[in-house]
Amino acid sequence: MARPFHLEVVTPTHKLYDEDADMVVVRTVTGDEAYLFDHIHTNAIIGQGLLKIRSEAHGMQVAECDGGFVKVNEAGVMIVTKSAEWKTDLEED
């Protein structure tokens, strides 16, 4: 299993996720990007699409996300988005 890092996903109304993860995949305006432990520091603009989080505690979780940004640094990964809700059925449209 990959080495975990801290992941925080926040919206104006709630925190969707605030714990360790092994990997996160987010849809940026230039395409999907995956982040793992010790990723190079970066910032990116998020588009509308799926947010995929893999952790040892929860396995793979999928949420729908609508715009915002992602910031990656030594503290972990922070995703700030206009809205994010867990997707209950894993079938992608």
Protein backbone atom coordinates (compact mmCIF):
# COMPACT_ATOMS: atom_id res chain seq x y z
CA MET A 1 0.00 0.00 0.00
CA ALA A 2 1.19 3.53 -0.74
CA ARG A 3 2.41 5.79 2.04
CA PRO A 4 -0.47 7.93 3.38
CA PHE A 5 -0.68 11.73 3.37
CA HIS A 6 -3.22 14.15 4.85
CA LEU A 7 -6.10 15.07 2.52
CA GLU A 8 -8.67 17.76 3.15
CA VAL A 9 -11.65 18.42 0.85
CA VAL A 10 -13.66 21.50 1.80
CA THR A 11 -16.64 23.37 0.36
CA PRO A 12 -18.24 26.62 1.54
CA THR A 13 -20.76 24.58 3.56
CA HIS A 14 -18.91 21.50 4.84
CA LYS A 15 -15.79 19.34 4.98
CA LEU A 16 -16.24 16.30 2.79
CA TYR A 17 -12.96 14.64 3.84
CA ASP A 18 -10.34 15.38 6.49
CA GLU A 19 -8.07 12.39 7.12
CA ASP A 20 -5.28 10.32 5.61
CA ALA A 21 -5.41 8.99 2.05
CA ASP A 22 -3.06 6.90 -0.10
CA MET A 23 -4.00 8.56 -3.41
CA VAL A 24 -6.35 11.20 -4.74
CA VAL A 25 -7.34 11.75 -8.37
CA VAL A 26 -8.97 15.04 -9.29
CA ARG A 27 -10.23 16.47 -12.60
CA THR A 28 -8.31 19.65 -13.36
CA VAL A 29 -8.98 21.97 -16.28
CA THR A 30 -6.14 20.22 -18.16
CA GLY A 31 -7.23 16.65 -17.34
CA ASP A 32 -7.14 14.16 -14.48
CA GLU A 33 -4.21 14.39 -12.06
CA ALA A 34 -3.25 11.87 -9.37
CA TYR A 35 -1.40 12.81 -6.20
CA LEU A 36 0.55 10.49 -3.89
CA PHE A 37 2.71 11.02 -0.81
CA ASP A 38 5.67 13.36 -1.40
CA HIS A 39 4.29 14.76 -4.68
CA ILE A 40 6.02 17.87 -5.94
CA HIS A 41 4.42 21.07 -4.61
CA THR A 42 1.80 22.33 -7.03
CA ASN A 43 -1.45 24.26 -7.43
CA ALA A 44 -4.09 23.50 -10.04
CA ILE A 45 -7.56 24.68 -11.00
CA ILE A 46 -10.26 22.03 -10.68
CA GLY A 47 -12.93 21.51 -13.30
CA GLN A 48 -16.22 19.69 -12.94
CA GLY A 49 -15.85 15.92 -12.57
CA LEU A 50 -15.07 13.01 -10.32
CA LEU A 51 -12.84 13.10 -7.27
CA LYS A 52 -11.43 9.66 -6.39
CA ILE A 53 -9.90 8.98 -2.99
CA ARG A 54 -8.16 5.75 -2.02
CA SER A 55 -7.31 5.03 1.60
CA GLU A 56 -6.50 1.96 3.65
CA ALA A 57 -9.41 2.74 6.00
CA HIS A 58 -12.13 3.25 3.35
CA GLY A 59 -10.87 1.69 0.10
CA MET A 60 -11.88 3.66 -3.01
CA GLN A 61 -14.40 6.48 -2.55
CA VAL A 62 -15.81 8.63 -5.33
CA ALA A 63 -17.36 12.09 -5.14
CA GLU A 64 -18.63 14.57 -7.68
CA CYS A 65 -16.87 17.91 -7.50
CA ASP A 66 -17.62 21.27 -9.14
CA GLY A 67 -14.73 23.65 -9.68
CA GLY A 68 -12.18 25.12 -7.27
CA PHE A 69 -8.50 24.45 -6.75
CA VAL A 70 -6.08 21.88 -5.38
CA LYS A 71 -2.94 22.74 -3.39
CA VAL A 72 -0.19 20.19 -2.78
CA ASN A 73 2.62 20.87 -0.29
CA GLU A 74 4.56 19.21 2.54
CA ALA A 75 1.45 19.31 4.77
CA GLY A 76 -0.53 17.18 2.28
CA VAL A 77 -3.25 17.91 -0.26
CA MET A 78 -6.03 20.47 0.16
CA ILE A 79 -8.95 20.64 -2.26
CA VAL A 80 -11.26 23.64 -2.07
CA THR A 81 -14.34 23.31 -4.26
CA LYS A 82 -17.71 25.01 -4.79
CA SER A 83 -19.48 21.71 -4.08
CA ALA A 84 -18.62 18.07 -3.46
CA GLU A 85 -20.94 15.15 -2.72
CA TRP A 86 -20.25 11.45 -2.37
CA LYS A 87 -21.33 9.44 -5.39
CA THR A 88 -23.34 6.47 -4.19
CA ASP A 89 -23.26 4.37 -7.31
CA LEU A 90 -19.81 3.85 -8.78
CA GLU A 91 -20.96 3.72 -12.39
CA GLU A 92 -19.46 6.63 -14.27
CA ASP A 93 -21.70 8.47 -16.72
